[in-house]
């Protein structure tokens, strides 16, 4: 990671690419296979994605509110009482706001993806212990995790919205970022697709908005060690991926994903609701260990449990909303806000 963005029209682009749920009806209820998406902790610090034992860096203890997304690799946080600019370590996204150069291929799309990942969020921040903490422009250099544990730097590389970038010396996650970048390139994700930029930031910028992932991903959940069985004690289900921006005006393909990080769990009597009073009551439905289901606005897809609000109008507000998951006693077990529905920092 370096003090300035080195990508210009004559600079070659290196390798990269991302990591890209099965439901079956069993009698009167469902058993659902594993999904890569995980829980969103609400009280204790999250299990930070890819921050394994043996890694020396440690995120700062409190998350910081995002005050503004600048572009695909830079944003502003309210940290320790003042607004700071953070340049994400180890990645470089196409330029979209630099007045000295034209918008680069997939720059607008990278910025849009960062907005989806970070708007209305609080992020945990960590410096790299082997790198400079600030660049010559006064930007902090480091890593960011959401409160659900999602590794923002890595997610931008995974989706093909940024390339891995080593400015000078190796950094803590370089091997991981390079591997993820290669996977993204091989899969043709984002800027690597032949019909977008084919990996060339200097290719003509165009409107590739339909190639931006519209879902808000959640951090992968580690496998549960609980023994399989019925009603075994363990973590309660959580909200996973939320796709609030559908493909047509009535947005039938919006969905909220429910993820089970623990042993098999029966969702009978549980409820999903939004800020405007739309309610979905779960039928008897057993989620397998690590399993997930999606509740769509007006689709019933068997491969995702066949659950739907059956609403002819959009439910989840694109500009802001609150998804709330409640247990049979009415207790809010997990809640996720975005946009204007989130409380001010």
C-alpha atoms as a PDB file:
ATOM      1  CA  UNK A   1       0.000   0.000   0.000  1.00  0.00           C
ATOM      2  CA  UNK A   2       1.486   3.296  -0.854  1.00  0.00           C
ATOM      3  CA  UNK A   3       1.170   6.990  -0.216  1.00  0.00           C
ATOM      4  CA  UNK A   4      -0.371   7.782  -3.600  1.00  0.00           C
ATOM      5  CA  UNK A   5      -2.446   6.003  -6.228  1.00  0.00           C
ATOM      6  CA  UNK A   6       0.107   4.865  -8.821  1.00  0.00           C
ATOM      7  CA  UNK A   7      -2.253   3.541 -11.447  1.00  0.00           C
ATOM      8  CA  UNK A   8      -2.021   5.518 -14.631  1.00  0.00           C
ATOM      9  CA  UNK A   9      -2.816   4.729 -18.242  1.00  0.00           C
ATOM     10  CA  UNK A  10       0.640   3.234 -18.791  1.00  0.00           C
ATOM     11  CA  UNK A  11       0.750   1.080 -15.672  1.00  0.00           C
ATOM     12  CA  UNK A  12      -0.081  -2.616 -16.273  1.00  0.00           C
ATOM     13  CA  UNK A  13      -2.624  -4.285 -14.054  1.00  0.00           C
ATOM     14  CA  UNK A  14      -1.726  -7.378 -12.062  1.00  0.00           C
ATOM     15  CA  UNK A  15      -3.672 -10.546 -11.501  1.00  0.00           C
ATOM     16  CA  UNK A  16      -6.887 -10.889  -9.459  1.00  0.00           C
ATOM     17  CA  UNK A  17     -10.475 -12.372  -8.908  1.00  0.00           C
ATOM     18  CA  UNK A  18     -13.143 -13.398  -6.181  1.00  0.00           C
ATOM     19  CA  UNK A  19     -14.599 -16.254  -4.358  1.00  0.00           C
ATOM     20  CA  UNK A  20     -17.721 -16.902  -5.594  1.00  0.00           C
ATOM     21  CA  UNK A  21     -27.451 -22.585  -0.992  1.00  0.00           C
ATOM     22  CA  UNK A  22     -29.113 -25.639  -1.411  1.00  0.00           C
ATOM     23  CA  UNK A  23     -32.605 -26.221   0.033  1.00  0.00           C
ATOM     24  CA  UNK A  24     -34.562 -29.479   0.148  1.00  0.00           C
ATOM     25  CA  UNK A  25     -38.050 -30.090   1.496  1.00  0.00           C
ATOM     26  CA  UNK A  26     -38.267 -32.831   4.085  1.00  0.00           C
ATOM     27  CA  UNK A  27     -41.874 -33.763   4.981  1.00  0.00           C
ATOM     28  CA  UNK A  28     -43.574 -30.891   6.753  1.00  0.00           C
ATOM     29  CA  UNK A  29     -40.466 -28.743   7.165  1.00  0.00           C
ATOM     30  CA  UNK A  30     -37.158 -27.838   5.505  1.00  0.00           C
ATOM     31  CA  UNK A  31     -33.557 -28.727   6.125  1.00  0.00           C
ATOM     32  CA  UNK A  32     -31.216 -26.280   4.477  1.00  0.00           C
ATOM     33  CA  UNK A  33     -27.605 -26.772   3.471  1.00  0.00           C
ATOM     34  CA  UNK A  34     -24.667 -24.570   4.349  1.00  0.00           C
ATOM     35  CA  UNK A  35     -24.259 -21.003   3.148  1.00  0.00           C
ATOM     36  CA  UNK A  36     -21.078 -18.890   3.203  1.00  0.00           C
ATOM     37  CA  UNK A  37     -22.791 -15.970   4.890  1.00  0.00           C
ATOM     38  CA  UNK A  38     -22.733 -15.482   8.630  1.00  0.00           C
ATOM     39  CA  UNK A  39     -24.096 -13.751  11.689  1.00  0.00           C
ATOM     40  CA  UNK A  40     -23.979 -10.138  12.617  1.00  0.00           C
ATOM     41  CA  UNK A  41     -22.942  -9.856  16.264  1.00  0.00           C
ATOM     42  CA  UNK A  42     -24.570  -6.975  18.087  1.00  0.00           C
ATOM     43  CA  UNK A  43     -22.958  -6.783  21.524  1.00  0.00           C
ATOM     44  CA  UNK A  44     -19.490  -8.340  21.636  1.00  0.00           C
ATOM     45  CA  UNK A  45     -16.819  -7.459  19.055  1.00  0.00           C
ATOM     46  CA  UNK A  46     -17.262  -9.570  15.929  1.00  0.00           C
ATOM     47  CA  UNK A  47     -15.253 -12.525  14.784  1.00  0.00           C
ATOM     48  CA  UNK A  48     -13.209 -10.558  12.268  1.00  0.00           C
ATOM     49  CA  UNK A  49     -13.023 -12.245   8.873  1.00  0.00           C
ATOM     50  CA  UNK A  50      -9.525 -13.659   8.121  1.00  0.00           C
ATOM     51  CA  UNK A  51      -8.034 -12.329  11.356  1.00  0.00           C
ATOM     52  CA  UNK A  52      -6.736 -15.698  12.464  1.00  0.00           C
ATOM     53  CA  UNK A  53      -4.543 -16.588  15.458  1.00  0.00           C
ATOM     54  CA  UNK A  54      -0.945 -15.650  14.800  1.00  0.00           C
ATOM     55  CA  UNK A  55      -1.742 -12.394  12.967  1.00  0.00           C
ATOM     56  CA  UNK A  56      -0.115  -9.596  14.938  1.00  0.00           C
ATOM     57  CA  UNK A  57      -2.413  -6.689  14.128  1.00  0.00           C
ATOM     58  CA  UNK A  58      -5.390  -5.904  16.353  1.00  0.00           C
ATOM     59  CA  UNK A  59      -8.403  -3.752  15.368  1.00  0.00           C
ATOM     60  CA  UNK A  60      -9.065  -0.768  17.591  1.00  0.00           C
ATOM     61  CA  UNK A  61     -11.623  -1.633  20.284  1.00  0.00           C
ATOM     62  CA  UNK A  62     -14.529   0.543  19.129  1.00  0.00           C
ATOM     63  CA  UNK A  63     -16.057   0.799  15.639  1.00  0.00           C
ATOM     64  CA  UNK A  64     -16.159   4.227  13.980  1.00  0.00           C
ATOM     65  CA  UNK A  65     -19.076   5.733  12.059  1.00  0.00           C
ATOM     66  CA  UNK A  66     -18.617   6.202   8.324  1.00  0.00           C
ATOM     67  CA  UNK A  67     -19.140   9.871   7.502  1.00  0.00           C
ATOM     68  CA  UNK A  68     -18.489   9.735   3.747  1.00  0.00           C
ATOM     69  CA  UNK A  69     -17.424   7.341   1.021  1.00  0.00           C
ATOM     70  CA  UNK A  70     -14.881   9.050  -1.242  1.00  0.00           C
ATOM     71  CA  UNK A  71     -14.372   6.282  -3.818  1.00  0.00           C
ATOM     72  CA  UNK A  72     -13.662   2.567  -4.071  1.00  0.00           C
ATOM     73  CA  UNK A  73     -10.610   2.570  -1.807  1.00  0.00           C
ATOM     74  CA  UNK A  74     -10.985   5.684   0.352  1.00  0.00           C
ATOM     75  CA  UNK A  75     -13.549   6.810   2.904  1.00  0.00           C
ATOM     76  CA  UNK A  76     -13.933   9.056   5.940  1.00  0.00           C
ATOM     77  CA  UNK A  77     -14.587   7.937   9.517  1.00  0.00           C
ATOM     78  CA  UNK A  78     -15.432   9.718  12.758  1.00  0.00           C
ATOM     79  CA  UNK A  79     -12.469   8.407  14.769  1.00  0.00           C
ATOM     80  CA  UNK A  80     -11.627   9.485  18.306  1.00  0.00           C
ATOM     81  CA  UNK A  81     -13.700  12.635  18.031  1.00  0.00           C
ATOM     82  CA  UNK A  82     -12.569  13.872  14.628  1.00  0.00           C
ATOM     83  CA  UNK A  83     -13.107  13.045  10.991  1.00  0.00           C
ATOM     84  CA  UNK A  84     -10.222  11.174   9.364  1.00  0.00           C
ATOM     85  CA  UNK A  85      -9.628   9.910   5.839  1.00  0.00           C
ATOM     86  CA  UNK A  86      -8.740   6.231   5.511  1.00  0.00           C
ATOM     87  CA  UNK A  87      -6.997   4.752   2.468  1.00  0.00           C
ATOM     88  CA  UNK A  88      -7.558   0.997   2.439  1.00  0.00           C
ATOM     89  CA  UNK A  89      -4.304  -0.949   2.709  1.00  0.00           C
ATOM     90  CA  UNK A  90      -3.366  -3.467   0.048  1.00  0.00           C
ATOM     91  CA  UNK A  91      -5.890  -2.536  -2.638  1.00  0.00           C
ATOM     92  CA  UNK A  92      -6.326  -0.007  -5.420  1.00  0.00           C
ATOM     93  CA  UNK A  93      -9.621   0.714  -7.148  1.00  0.00           C
ATOM     94  CA  UNK A  94     -10.079   2.555 -10.452  1.00  0.00           C
ATOM     95  CA  UNK A  95     -10.061   6.330 -10.072  1.00  0.00           C
ATOM     96  CA  UNK A  96     -13.387   8.174 -10.065  1.00  0.00           C
ATOM     97  CA  UNK A  97     -12.856  11.497  -8.235  1.00  0.00           C
ATOM     98  CA  UNK A  98      -9.282  12.648  -8.963  1.00  0.00           C
ATOM     99  CA  UNK A  99      -9.588  16.006 -10.801  1.00  0.00           C
ATOM    100  CA  UNK A 100      -6.167  15.450 -12.395  1.00  0.00           C
ATOM    101  CA  UNK A 101      -7.241  12.435 -14.436  1.00  0.00           C
ATOM    102  CA  UNK A 102     -10.364  11.125 -16.172  1.00  0.00           C
ATOM    103  CA  UNK A 103     -12.672   8.607 -14.556  1.00  0.00           C
ATOM    104  CA  UNK A 104     -11.139   5.159 -15.025  1.00  0.00           C
ATOM    105  CA  UNK A 105     -12.912   2.040 -16.188  1.00  0.00           C
ATOM    106  CA  UNK A 106     -15.159   0.633 -13.411  1.00  0.00           C
ATOM    107  CA  UNK A 107     -14.325   3.586 -11.145  1.00  0.00           C
ATOM    108  CA  UNK A 108     -17.951   4.633 -10.676  1.00  0.00           C
ATOM    109  CA  UNK A 109     -18.968   1.044 -10.058  1.00  0.00           C
ATOM    110  CA  UNK A 110     -16.229   0.561  -7.453  1.00  0.00           C
ATOM    111  CA  UNK A 111     -17.430   3.690  -5.668  1.00  0.00           C
ATOM    112  CA  UNK A 112     -21.042   2.448  -5.797  1.00  0.00           C
ATOM    113  CA  UNK A 113     -20.006  -0.868  -4.268  1.00  0.00           C
ATOM    114  CA  UNK A 114     -18.150   0.864  -1.441  1.00  0.00           C
ATOM    115  CA  UNK A 115     -21.273   2.944  -0.755  1.00  0.00           C
ATOM    116  CA  UNK A 116     -23.302  -0.258  -0.461  1.00  0.00           C
ATOM    117  CA  UNK A 117     -20.748  -1.845   1.864  1.00  0.00           C
ATOM    118  CA  UNK A 118     -20.123   1.187   4.085  1.00  0.00           C
ATOM    119  CA  UNK A 119     -22.996   3.689   4.058  1.00  0.00           C
ATOM    120  CA  UNK A 120     -24.684   3.826   7.463  1.00  0.00           C
ATOM    121  CA  UNK A 121     -22.118   1.430   8.931  1.00  0.00           C
ATOM    122  CA  UNK A 122     -19.667   1.564  11.785  1.00  0.00           C
ATOM    123  CA  UNK A 123     -16.279   0.068  10.944  1.00  0.00           C
ATOM    124  CA  UNK A 124     -13.467  -1.385  13.013  1.00  0.00           C
ATOM    125  CA  UNK A 125     -10.065  -0.024  11.973  1.00  0.00           C
ATOM    126  CA  UNK A 126      -6.574  -1.523  12.223  1.00  0.00           C
ATOM    127  CA  UNK A 127      -3.122  -0.318  11.192  1.00  0.00           C
ATOM    128  CA  UNK A 128      -0.679  -2.783   9.669  1.00  0.00           C
ATOM    129  CA  UNK A 129       2.127  -3.206  12.240  1.00  0.00           C
ATOM    130  CA  UNK A 130       4.771  -3.456   9.503  1.00  0.00           C
ATOM    131  CA  UNK A 131       3.655  -0.457   7.437  1.00  0.00           C
ATOM    132  CA  UNK A 132       3.506   3.317   7.684  1.00  0.00           C
ATOM    133  CA  UNK A 133       0.364   4.509   9.413  1.00  0.00           C
ATOM    134  CA  UNK A 134      -0.165   7.598   7.269  1.00  0.00           C
ATOM    135  CA  UNK A 135       0.580   8.649   3.705  1.00  0.00           C
ATOM    136  CA  UNK A 136       2.019  12.070   2.670  1.00  0.00           C
ATOM    137  CA  UNK A 137      -1.528  13.325   2.043  1.00  0.00           C
ATOM    138  CA  UNK A 138      -2.487  12.744   5.686  1.00  0.00           C
ATOM    139  CA  UNK A 139      -4.663   9.706   5.024  1.00  0.00           C
ATOM    140  CA  UNK A 140      -4.580   6.829   7.482  1.00  0.00           C
ATOM    141  CA  UNK A 141      -3.497   3.533   5.908  1.00  0.00           C
ATOM    142  CA  UNK A 142      -5.139   0.413   7.253  1.00  0.00           C
ATOM    143  CA  UNK A 143      -7.792  -2.271   7.244  1.00  0.00           C
ATOM    144  CA  UNK A 144     -11.534  -2.033   7.876  1.00  0.00           C
ATOM    145  CA  UNK A 145     -14.056  -4.556   9.173  1.00  0.00           C
ATOM    146  CA  UNK A 146     -17.791  -4.066   9.538  1.00  0.00           C
ATOM    147  CA  UNK A 147     -19.616  -4.859  12.766  1.00  0.00           C
ATOM    148  CA  UNK A 148     -20.701  -8.205  11.280  1.00  0.00           C
ATOM    149  CA  UNK A 149     -16.999  -9.061  10.783  1.00  0.00           C
ATOM    150  CA  UNK A 150     -16.881  -8.514   6.990  1.00  0.00           C
ATOM    151  CA  UNK A 151     -13.376  -7.549   5.810  1.00  0.00           C
ATOM    152  CA  UNK A 152     -14.040  -4.524   3.585  1.00  0.00           C
ATOM    153  CA  UNK A 153     -10.600  -4.448   1.905  1.00  0.00           C
ATOM    154  CA  UNK A 154     -10.900  -8.113   0.951  1.00  0.00           C
ATOM    155  CA  UNK A 155     -14.518  -7.784  -0.210  1.00  0.00           C
ATOM    156  CA  UNK A 156     -13.554  -5.074  -2.725  1.00  0.00           C
ATOM    157  CA  UNK A 157     -10.891  -7.369  -4.202  1.00  0.00           C
ATOM    158  CA  UNK A 158     -13.212 -10.385  -4.160  1.00  0.00           C
ATOM    159  CA  UNK A 159     -15.850  -8.680  -6.255  1.00  0.00           C
ATOM    160  CA  UNK A 160     -13.449  -7.258  -8.817  1.00  0.00           C
ATOM    161  CA  UNK A 161     -13.878  -3.658  -7.650  1.00  0.00           C
ATOM    162  CA  UNK A 162     -10.194  -3.247  -6.774  1.00  0.00           C
ATOM    163  CA  UNK A 163      -6.849  -4.801  -7.559  1.00  0.00           C
ATOM    164  CA  UNK A 164      -4.303  -6.027  -5.044  1.00  0.00           C
ATOM    165  CA  UNK A 165      -1.591  -3.391  -4.655  1.00  0.00           C
ATOM    166  CA  UNK A 166       1.787  -3.542  -2.960  1.00  0.00           C
ATOM    167  CA  UNK A 167       3.457  -0.146  -2.864  1.00  0.00           C
ATOM    168  CA  UNK A 168       6.829  -1.137  -1.446  1.00  0.00           C
ATOM    169  CA  UNK A 169       7.153  -3.739   1.300  1.00  0.00           C
ATOM    170  CA  UNK A 170       4.921  -6.784   1.819  1.00  0.00           C
ATOM    171  CA  UNK A 171       1.996  -6.236   4.164  1.00  0.00           C
ATOM    172  CA  UNK A 172       0.180  -8.653   6.478  1.00  0.00           C
ATOM    173  CA  UNK A 173      -2.546  -9.792   4.085  1.00  0.00           C
ATOM    174  CA  UNK A 174      -0.648  -9.641   0.795  1.00  0.00           C
ATOM    175  CA  UNK A 175      -0.750 -13.396   0.097  1.00  0.00           C
ATOM    176  CA  UNK A 176      -4.504 -13.513   0.829  1.00  0.00           C
ATOM    177  CA  UNK A 177      -5.269 -10.452  -1.289  1.00  0.00           C
ATOM    178  CA  UNK A 178      -3.204 -11.754  -4.208  1.00  0.00           C
ATOM    179  CA  UNK A 179      -4.896 -15.147  -4.092  1.00  0.00           C
ATOM    180  CA  UNK A 180      -8.336 -13.499  -3.954  1.00  0.00           C
ATOM    181  CA  UNK A 181      -7.363 -11.213  -6.830  1.00  0.00           C
ATOM    182  CA  UNK A 182      -6.368 -14.158  -8.985  1.00  0.00           C
ATOM    183  CA  UNK A 183      -9.681 -15.845  -8.224  1.00  0.00           C
ATOM    184  CA  UNK A 184     -11.543 -12.655  -9.151  1.00  0.00           C
ATOM    185  CA  UNK A 185      -9.702 -12.423 -12.443  1.00  0.00           C
ATOM    186  CA  UNK A 186     -10.269 -16.075 -13.289  1.00  0.00           C
ATOM    187  CA  UNK A 187     -13.990 -15.694 -12.564  1.00  0.00           C
ATOM    188  CA  UNK A 188     -14.297 -12.491 -14.610  1.00  0.00           C
ATOM    189  CA  UNK A 189     -15.683 -10.511 -11.706  1.00  0.00           C
ATOM    190  CA  UNK A 190     -16.251  -6.772 -11.964  1.00  0.00           C
ATOM    191  CA  UNK A 191     -13.466  -4.962 -13.771  1.00  0.00           C
ATOM    192  CA  UNK A 192     -11.988  -8.273 -14.967  1.00  0.00           C
ATOM    193  CA  UNK A 193     -14.950  -9.157 -17.162  1.00  0.00           C
ATOM    194  CA  UNK A 194     -14.218  -8.993 -20.918  1.00  0.00           C
ATOM    195  CA  UNK A 195     -17.321  -6.834 -21.432  1.00  0.00           C
ATOM    196  CA  UNK A 196     -16.275  -4.269 -18.783  1.00  0.00           C
ATOM    197  CA  UNK A 197     -12.547  -3.461 -18.525  1.00  0.00           C
ATOM    198  CA  UNK A 198     -10.801  -6.835 -19.037  1.00  0.00           C
ATOM    199  CA  UNK A 199      -8.552  -5.816 -16.125  1.00  0.00           C
ATOM    200  CA  UNK A 200      -7.417  -2.531 -17.690  1.00  0.00           C
ATOM    201  CA  UNK A 201      -8.142   0.564 -15.602  1.00  0.00           C
ATOM    202  CA  UNK A 202      -7.264   2.729 -18.612  1.00  0.00           C
ATOM    203  CA  UNK A 203     -10.010   1.234 -20.761  1.00  0.00           C
ATOM    204  CA  UNK A 204     -12.834   3.664 -21.582  1.00  0.00           C
ATOM    205  CA  UNK A 205     -15.159   4.337 -18.680  1.00  0.00           C
ATOM    206  CA  UNK A 206     -18.785   3.450 -19.354  1.00  0.00           C
ATOM    207  CA  UNK A 207     -21.987   2.723 -17.472  1.00  0.00           C
ATOM    208  CA  UNK A 208     -21.546  -0.757 -16.023  1.00  0.00           C
ATOM    209  CA  UNK A 209     -24.051  -0.211 -13.243  1.00  0.00           C
ATOM    210  CA  UNK A 210     -25.819  -3.473 -14.032  1.00  0.00           C
ATOM    211  CA  UNK A 211     -22.593  -5.294 -13.095  1.00  0.00           C
ATOM    212  CA  UNK A 212     -22.526  -3.951  -9.538  1.00  0.00           C
ATOM    213  CA  UNK A 213     -23.526  -6.505  -6.896  1.00  0.00           C
ATOM    214  CA  UNK A 214     -26.646  -5.135  -5.244  1.00  0.00           C
ATOM    215  CA  UNK A 215     -26.609  -7.322  -2.147  1.00  0.00           C
ATOM    216  CA  UNK A 216     -24.977  -6.326   1.117  1.00  0.00           C
ATOM    217  CA  UNK A 217     -22.790  -9.322   1.959  1.00  0.00           C
ATOM    218  CA  UNK A 218     -22.227 -10.642   5.447  1.00  0.00           C
ATOM    219  CA  UNK A 219     -19.038 -12.160   6.767  1.00  0.00           C
ATOM    220  CA  UNK A 220     -18.611 -15.918   6.293  1.00  0.00           C
ATOM    221  CA  UNK A 221     -19.574 -17.858   9.391  1.00  0.00           C
ATOM    222  CA  UNK A 222     -17.057 -20.420  10.691  1.00  0.00           C
ATOM    223  CA  UNK A 223     -18.341 -23.989  10.942  1.00  0.00           C
ATOM    224  CA  UNK A 224     -20.163 -24.747  14.187  1.00  0.00           C
ATOM    225  CA  UNK A 225     -18.668 -27.325  16.488  1.00  0.00           C
ATOM    226  CA  UNK A 226     -22.049 -28.229  17.952  1.00  0.00           C
ATOM    227  CA  UNK A 227     -23.164 -31.789  17.335  1.00  0.00           C
ATOM    228  CA  UNK A 228     -25.984 -32.133  14.824  1.00  0.00           C
ATOM    229  CA  UNK A 229     -29.384 -32.850  16.304  1.00  0.00           C
ATOM    230  CA  UNK A 230     -32.629 -31.138  17.160  1.00  0.00           C
ATOM    231  CA  UNK A 231     -32.957 -28.018  19.300  1.00  0.00           C
ATOM    232  CA  UNK A 232     -29.324 -28.202  20.429  1.00  0.00           C
ATOM    233  CA  UNK A 233     -28.184 -25.124  22.383  1.00  0.00           C
ATOM    234  CA  UNK A 234     -26.074 -22.681  20.454  1.00  0.00           C
ATOM    235  CA  UNK A 235     -26.078 -19.280  18.722  1.00  0.00           C
ATOM    236  CA  UNK A 236     -29.453 -18.009  17.536  1.00  0.00           C
ATOM    237  CA  UNK A 237     -30.129 -17.333  13.836  1.00  0.00           C
ATOM    238  CA  UNK A 238     -28.975 -13.986  12.495  1.00  0.00           C
ATOM    239  CA  UNK A 239     -29.528 -11.708   9.535  1.00  0.00           C
ATOM    240  CA  UNK A 240     -27.180 -12.471   6.678  1.00  0.00           C
ATOM    241  CA  UNK A 241     -27.179 -10.983   3.195  1.00  0.00           C
ATOM    242  CA  UNK A 242     -29.667  -8.197   2.403  1.00  0.00           C
ATOM    243  CA  UNK A 243     -30.517  -7.321  -1.199  1.00  0.00           C
ATOM    244  CA  UNK A 244     -32.749  -4.247  -0.970  1.00  0.00           C
ATOM    245  CA  UNK A 245     -32.469  -2.936  -4.560  1.00  0.00           C
ATOM    246  CA  UNK A 246     -34.369  -5.138  -7.003  1.00  0.00           C
ATOM    247  CA  UNK A 247     -34.298  -5.244 -10.770  1.00  0.00           C
ATOM    248  CA  UNK A 248     -37.660  -3.668 -11.651  1.00  0.00           C
ATOM    249  CA  UNK A 249     -39.931  -1.011 -10.082  1.00  0.00           C
ATOM    250  CA  UNK A 250     -41.831  -3.444  -7.835  1.00  0.00           C
ATOM    251  CA  UNK A 251     -38.613  -5.255  -6.851  1.00  0.00           C
ATOM    252  CA  UNK A 252     -39.964  -8.798  -6.351  1.00  0.00           C
ATOM    253  CA  UNK A 253     -36.370 -10.101  -6.149  1.00  0.00           C
ATOM    254  CA  UNK A 254     -35.464  -8.147  -3.002  1.00  0.00           C
ATOM    255  CA  UNK A 255     -34.627 -10.497  -0.170  1.00  0.00           C
ATOM    256  CA  UNK A 256     -33.313 -10.804   3.365  1.00  0.00           C
ATOM    257  CA  UNK A 257     -31.272 -13.871   4.232  1.00  0.00           C
ATOM    258  CA  UNK A 258     -31.528 -15.635   7.592  1.00  0.00           C
ATOM    259  CA  UNK A 259     -28.428 -17.580   8.627  1.00  0.00           C
ATOM    260  CA  UNK A 260     -28.008 -20.246  11.295  1.00  0.00           C
ATOM    261  CA  UNK A 261     -24.455 -20.139  12.752  1.00  0.00           C
ATOM    262  CA  UNK A 262     -25.149 -22.960  15.204  1.00  0.00           C
ATOM    263  CA  UNK A 263     -26.706 -26.432  15.226  1.00  0.00           C
ATOM    264  CA  UNK A 264     -30.069 -27.183  13.526  1.00  0.00           C
ATOM    265  CA  UNK A 265     -32.699 -24.649  14.545  1.00  0.00           C
ATOM    266  CA  UNK A 266     -36.485 -24.460  14.088  1.00  0.00           C
ATOM    267  CA  UNK A 267     -37.683 -20.978  13.033  1.00  0.00           C
ATOM    268  CA  UNK A 268     -41.341 -21.705  13.773  1.00  0.00           C
ATOM    269  CA  UNK A 269     -42.858 -18.562  15.335  1.00  0.00           C
ATOM    270  CA  UNK A 270     -39.978 -16.265  14.417  1.00  0.00           C
ATOM    271  CA  UNK A 271     -40.685 -13.001  12.612  1.00  0.00           C
ATOM    272  CA  UNK A 272     -38.934 -10.723  10.069  1.00  0.00           C
ATOM    273  CA  UNK A 273     -40.108  -7.104   9.799  1.00  0.00           C
ATOM    274  CA  UNK A 274     -39.123  -3.742   8.355  1.00  0.00           C
ATOM    275  CA  UNK A 275     -39.385  -0.172   9.655  1.00  0.00           C
ATOM    276  CA  UNK A 276     -42.761   0.409   7.970  1.00  0.00           C
ATOM    277  CA  UNK A 277     -44.656  -2.494   9.508  1.00  0.00           C
ATOM    278  CA  UNK A 278     -44.277  -5.210   6.876  1.00  0.00           C
ATOM    279  CA  UNK A 279     -44.150  -8.554   8.678  1.00  0.00           C
ATOM    280  CA  UNK A 280     -43.211 -12.087   7.663  1.00  0.00           C
ATOM    281  CA  UNK A 281     -43.982 -14.916  10.110  1.00  0.00           C
ATOM    282  CA  UNK A 282     -41.868 -18.019   9.586  1.00  0.00           C
ATOM    283  CA  UNK A 283     -43.567 -21.401   9.239  1.00  0.00           C
ATOM    284  CA  UNK A 284     -42.058 -24.510  10.808  1.00  0.00           C
ATOM    285  CA  UNK A 285     -38.642 -24.460   9.175  1.00  0.00           C
ATOM    286  CA  UNK A 286     -35.487 -26.189  10.376  1.00  0.00           C
ATOM    287  CA  UNK A 287     -32.221 -24.584   9.318  1.00  0.00           C
ATOM    288  CA  UNK A 288     -29.286 -26.960   9.198  1.00  0.00           C
ATOM    289  CA  UNK A 289     -25.978 -26.125  10.853  1.00  0.00           C
ATOM    290  CA  UNK A 290     -24.558 -23.195   8.891  1.00  0.00           C
ATOM    291  CA  UNK A 291     -27.705 -23.133   6.723  1.00  0.00           C
ATOM    292  CA  UNK A 292     -29.632 -20.174   5.358  1.00  0.00           C
ATOM    293  CA  UNK A 293     -32.956 -19.175   3.806  1.00  0.00           C
ATOM    294  CA  UNK A 294     -34.024 -16.093   1.891  1.00  0.00           C
ATOM    295  CA  UNK A 295     -37.311 -14.266   2.372  1.00  0.00           C
ATOM    296  CA  UNK A 296     -38.150 -12.600  -0.951  1.00  0.00           C
ATOM    297  CA  UNK A 297     -40.540  -9.729  -1.519  1.00  0.00           C
ATOM    298  CA  UNK A 298     -42.600 -11.502  -4.187  1.00  0.00           C
ATOM    299  CA  UNK A 299     -40.745 -14.604  -5.375  1.00  0.00           C
ATOM    300  CA  UNK A 300     -40.916 -18.172  -4.064  1.00  0.00           C
ATOM    301  CA  UNK A 301     -37.656 -19.922  -4.998  1.00  0.00           C
ATOM    302  CA  UNK A 302     -37.436 -23.521  -3.819  1.00  0.00           C
ATOM    303  CA  UNK A 303     -33.644 -23.459  -3.770  1.00  0.00           C
ATOM    304  CA  UNK A 304     -33.834 -20.699  -1.110  1.00  0.00           C
ATOM    305  CA  UNK A 305     -36.688 -22.253   0.953  1.00  0.00           C
ATOM    306  CA  UNK A 306     -39.625 -20.824  -1.018  1.00  0.00           C
ATOM    307  CA  UNK A 307     -40.305 -17.994   1.448  1.00  0.00           C
ATOM    308  CA  UNK A 308     -41.990 -14.755   0.334  1.00  0.00           C
ATOM    309  CA  UNK A 309     -43.848 -11.730   1.683  1.00  0.00           C
ATOM    310  CA  UNK A 310     -46.071 -12.101  -1.398  1.00  0.00           C
ATOM    311  CA  UNK A 311     -46.087  -8.330  -1.693  1.00  0.00           C
ATOM    312  CA  UNK A 312     -46.889  -6.687  -5.027  1.00  0.00           C
ATOM    313  CA  UNK A 313     -44.917  -3.618  -3.980  1.00  0.00           C
ATOM    314  CA  UNK A 314     -41.303  -3.182  -2.874  1.00  0.00           C
ATOM    315  CA  UNK A 315     -40.739  -3.620   0.866  1.00  0.00           C
ATOM    316  CA  UNK A 316     -37.124  -2.729   1.624  1.00  0.00           C
ATOM    317  CA  UNK A 317     -36.320   0.962   1.165  1.00  0.00           C
ATOM    318  CA  UNK A 318     -33.344   1.616  -1.116  1.00  0.00           C
ATOM    319  CA  UNK A 319     -32.667   4.910   0.630  1.00  0.00           C
ATOM    320  CA  UNK A 320     -32.880   3.424   4.094  1.00  0.00           C
ATOM    321  CA  UNK A 321     -34.690   0.827   6.169  1.00  0.00           C
ATOM    322  CA  UNK A 322     -34.375  -1.448   9.191  1.00  0.00           C
ATOM    323  CA  UNK A 323     -34.514  -5.247   8.982  1.00  0.00           C
ATOM    324  CA  UNK A 324     -35.474  -6.806  12.321  1.00  0.00           C
ATOM    325  CA  UNK A 325     -35.415 -10.500  13.260  1.00  0.00           C
ATOM    326  CA  UNK A 326     -37.502 -11.412  16.333  1.00  0.00           C
ATOM    327  CA  UNK A 327     -37.899 -14.637  18.268  1.00  0.00           C
ATOM    328  CA  UNK A 328     -41.335 -16.087  19.217  1.00  0.00           C
ATOM    329  CA  UNK A 329     -41.363 -13.976  22.375  1.00  0.00           C
ATOM    330  CA  UNK A 330     -40.997 -10.741  20.381  1.00  0.00           C
ATOM    331  CA  UNK A 331     -37.376 -10.136  21.412  1.00  0.00           C
ATOM    332  CA  UNK A 332     -35.220  -8.528  18.705  1.00  0.00           C
ATOM    333  CA  UNK A 333     -32.414 -11.027  18.127  1.00  0.00           C
ATOM    334  CA  UNK A 334     -30.731  -9.169  15.269  1.00  0.00           C
ATOM    335  CA  UNK A 335     -31.285  -5.885  13.496  1.00  0.00           C
ATOM    336  CA  UNK A 336     -29.673  -4.171  10.529  1.00  0.00           C
ATOM    337  CA  UNK A 337     -30.190  -0.584   9.372  1.00  0.00           C
ATOM    338  CA  UNK A 338     -28.975   1.268   6.327  1.00  0.00           C
ATOM    339  CA  UNK A 339     -29.182   4.736   4.810  1.00  0.00           C
ATOM    340  CA  UNK A 340     -31.451   7.377   6.329  1.00  0.00           C
ATOM    341  CA  UNK A 341     -33.064   4.895   8.748  1.00  0.00           C
ATOM    342  CA  UNK A 342     -29.844   4.579  10.739  1.00  0.00           C
ATOM    343  CA  UNK A 343     -29.427   6.801  13.797  1.00  0.00           C
ATOM    344  CA  UNK A 344     -26.959   9.678  13.379  1.00  0.00           C
ATOM    345  CA  UNK A 345     -23.415   8.952  14.605  1.00  0.00           C
END
